[in-house]
Amino acid sequence: MKKGFVVVVSVEDGGYYADGNVSGSTVNVTLQRDSDFASCDQILFWEETSQEELNDMFDEWVDLAVGGEEGYSAMITEGMETKMYSQ
C-alpha cells in the first residue's frame, strides 16, 4: 500500500460502549491519505499519535474494511476507480 502523509480528518462522538468489563464514551475517527479515507467507529481510547503509527493504523483499517470487519470503512482510489468498503 502506498505511503503518504496521513491526517486525522475527524474525531466525532461515537456514543457509549459497555460490556461486562469495560465501558465509556467512544469516538468515530476518520483518517485521510491523499485521496483515500479510512475510518473506525466506536474507539474507546483515542489519542493523537506519530505519523508512522498513523500510517500503520491507516493500512490496518483499510485491510479490516476490505475484509468486511464491522465498524471499519474505507474509500480507496485504485487507478481511475474509487471503491468503497464498509460493513
C-alpha atoms as a PDB file:
ATOM      1  CA  MET A   1       0.000   0.000   0.000  1.00  0.00           C
ATOM      2  CA  LYS A   2       1.264   3.483  -0.793  1.00  0.00           C
ATOM      3  CA  LYS A   3       2.819   5.517   1.988  1.00  0.00           C
ATOM      4  CA  GLY A   4       1.948   9.197   2.189  1.00  0.00           C
ATOM      5  CA  PHE A   5       1.120  11.730   4.837  1.00  0.00           C
ATOM      6  CA  VAL A   6      -1.875  10.644   6.953  1.00  0.00           C
ATOM      7  CA  VAL A   7      -4.066  13.255   8.639  1.00  0.00           C
ATOM      8  CA  VAL A   8      -6.860  12.873  11.152  1.00  0.00           C
ATOM      9  CA  VAL A   9      -9.889  14.290   9.329  1.00  0.00           C
ATOM     10  CA  SER A  10     -12.406  13.960  12.142  1.00  0.00           C
ATOM     11  CA  VAL A  11     -12.946  12.670  15.644  1.00  0.00           C
ATOM     12  CA  GLU A  12     -16.670  12.588  16.414  1.00  0.00           C
ATOM     13  CA  ASP A  13     -18.844  11.320  19.238  1.00  0.00           C
ATOM     14  CA  GLY A  14     -19.412   7.592  18.796  1.00  0.00           C
ATOM     15  CA  GLY A  15     -21.829   7.030  21.648  1.00  0.00           C
ATOM     16  CA  TYR A  16     -21.454   4.941  24.767  1.00  0.00           C
ATOM     17  CA  TYR A  17     -19.950   1.457  24.891  1.00  0.00           C
ATOM     18  CA  ALA A  18     -20.409  -1.053  27.697  1.00  0.00           C
ATOM     19  CA  ASP A  19     -19.732  -4.725  28.141  1.00  0.00           C
ATOM     20  CA  GLY A  20     -19.134  -6.671  31.318  1.00  0.00           C
ATOM     21  CA  ASN A  21     -15.587  -5.360  31.815  1.00  0.00           C
ATOM     22  CA  VAL A  22     -15.222  -2.028  30.035  1.00  0.00           C
ATOM     23  CA  SER A  23     -17.450   0.992  29.492  1.00  0.00           C
ATOM     24  CA  GLY A  24     -17.161   4.589  28.417  1.00  0.00           C
ATOM     25  CA  SER A  25     -17.727   7.167  25.728  1.00  0.00           C
ATOM     26  CA  THR A  26     -16.419   6.302  22.287  1.00  0.00           C
ATOM     27  CA  VAL A  27     -15.349   8.228  19.194  1.00  0.00           C
ATOM     28  CA  ASN A  28     -15.547   7.598  15.463  1.00  0.00           C
ATOM     29  CA  VAL A  29     -12.277   8.519  13.733  1.00  0.00           C
ATOM     30  CA  THR A  30     -11.622   9.192  10.041  1.00  0.00           C
ATOM     31  CA  LEU A  31      -8.112   9.268   8.569  1.00  0.00           C
ATOM     32  CA  GLN A  32      -7.050  10.512   5.134  1.00  0.00           C
ATOM     33  CA  ARG A  33      -4.026   9.713   2.979  1.00  0.00           C
ATOM     34  CA  ASP A  34      -4.017  11.615  -0.308  1.00  0.00           C
ATOM     35  CA  SER A  35      -7.498  10.961  -1.789  1.00  0.00           C
ATOM     36  CA  ASP A  36      -8.107   7.798   0.282  1.00  0.00           C
ATOM     37  CA  PHE A  37     -10.069   7.582   3.537  1.00  0.00           C
ATOM     38  CA  ALA A  38     -10.296   5.000   6.313  1.00  0.00           C
ATOM     39  CA  SER A  39     -12.479   5.125   9.407  1.00  0.00           C
ATOM     40  CA  CYS A  40     -13.112   3.193  12.566  1.00  0.00           C
ATOM     41  CA  ASP A  41     -16.228   3.511  14.720  1.00  0.00           C
ATOM     42  CA  GLN A  42     -16.583   3.298  18.488  1.00  0.00           C
ATOM     43  CA  ILE A  43     -12.971   3.655  19.575  1.00  0.00           C
ATOM     44  CA  LEU A  44     -12.914   3.625  23.358  1.00  0.00           C
ATOM     45  CA  PHE A  45      -9.431   5.120  23.841  1.00  0.00           C
ATOM     46  CA  TRP A  46      -8.092   7.583  21.233  1.00  0.00           C
ATOM     47  CA  GLU A  47      -5.058   9.797  21.421  1.00  0.00           C
ATOM     48  CA  GLU A  48      -3.022  11.596  18.805  1.00  0.00           C
ATOM     49  CA  THR A  49      -0.080   9.566  17.607  1.00  0.00           C
ATOM     50  CA  SER A  50       3.026   9.767  15.403  1.00  0.00           C
ATOM     51  CA  GLN A  51       2.935   9.861  11.616  1.00  0.00           C
ATOM     52  CA  GLU A  52       4.453   6.372  11.412  1.00  0.00           C
ATOM     53  CA  GLU A  53       1.755   4.986  13.715  1.00  0.00           C
ATOM     54  CA  LEU A  54      -0.967   6.802  11.730  1.00  0.00           C
ATOM     55  CA  ASN A  55       0.376   5.236   8.519  1.00  0.00           C
ATOM     56  CA  ASP A  56       0.292   1.773  10.087  1.00  0.00           C
ATOM     57  CA  MET A  57      -3.185   2.420  11.526  1.00  0.00           C
ATOM     58  CA  PHE A  58      -4.476   3.611   8.145  1.00  0.00           C
ATOM     59  CA  ASP A  59      -3.195   0.442   6.438  1.00  0.00           C
ATOM     60  CA  GLU A  60      -4.692  -1.760   9.159  1.00  0.00           C
ATOM     61  CA  TRP A  61      -8.101  -0.038   8.976  1.00  0.00           C
ATOM     62  CA  VAL A  62      -8.168  -0.407   5.177  1.00  0.00           C
ATOM     63  CA  ASP A  63      -7.313  -4.112   5.468  1.00  0.00           C
ATOM     64  CA  LEU A  64     -10.073  -4.608   8.054  1.00  0.00           C
ATOM     65  CA  ALA A  65     -12.614  -2.698   5.926  1.00  0.00           C
ATOM     66  CA  VAL A  66     -11.721  -4.708   2.818  1.00  0.00           C
ATOM     67  CA  GLY A  67     -12.087  -7.879   4.912  1.00  0.00           C
ATOM     68  CA  GLY A  68     -15.594  -6.823   5.970  1.00  0.00           C
ATOM     69  CA  GLU A  69     -14.829  -6.257   9.650  1.00  0.00           C
ATOM     70  CA  GLU A  70     -17.678  -4.499  11.451  1.00  0.00           C
ATOM     71  CA  GLY A  71     -17.002  -0.879  12.390  1.00  0.00           C
ATOM     72  CA  TYR A  72     -14.392  -0.214   9.674  1.00  0.00           C
ATOM     73  CA  SER A  73     -14.852   1.506   6.338  1.00  0.00           C
ATOM     74  CA  ALA A  74     -12.563   2.746   3.594  1.00  0.00           C
ATOM     75  CA  MET A  75     -12.812   4.675   0.354  1.00  0.00           C
ATOM     76  CA  ILE A  76      -9.833   3.845  -1.843  1.00  0.00           C
ATOM     77  CA  THR A  77      -8.941   5.060  -5.333  1.00  0.00           C
ATOM     78  CA  GLU A  78      -7.368   2.327  -7.430  1.00  0.00           C
ATOM     79  CA  GLY A  79      -6.327   3.623 -10.831  1.00  0.00           C
ATOM     80  CA  MET A  80      -9.316   5.539 -12.192  1.00  0.00           C
ATOM     81  CA  GLU A  81     -11.837   3.722  -9.954  1.00  0.00           C
ATOM     82  CA  THR A  82     -12.915   4.605  -6.425  1.00  0.00           C
ATOM     83  CA  LYS A  83     -14.022   1.676  -4.266  1.00  0.00           C
ATOM     84  CA  MET A  84     -15.985   1.844  -1.010  1.00  0.00           C
ATOM     85  CA  TYR A  85     -15.598  -0.852   1.613  1.00  0.00           C
ATOM     86  CA  SER A  86     -17.783  -0.999   4.710  1.00  0.00           C
ATOM     87  CA  GLN A  87     -19.776  -3.380   6.863  1.00  0.00           C
END
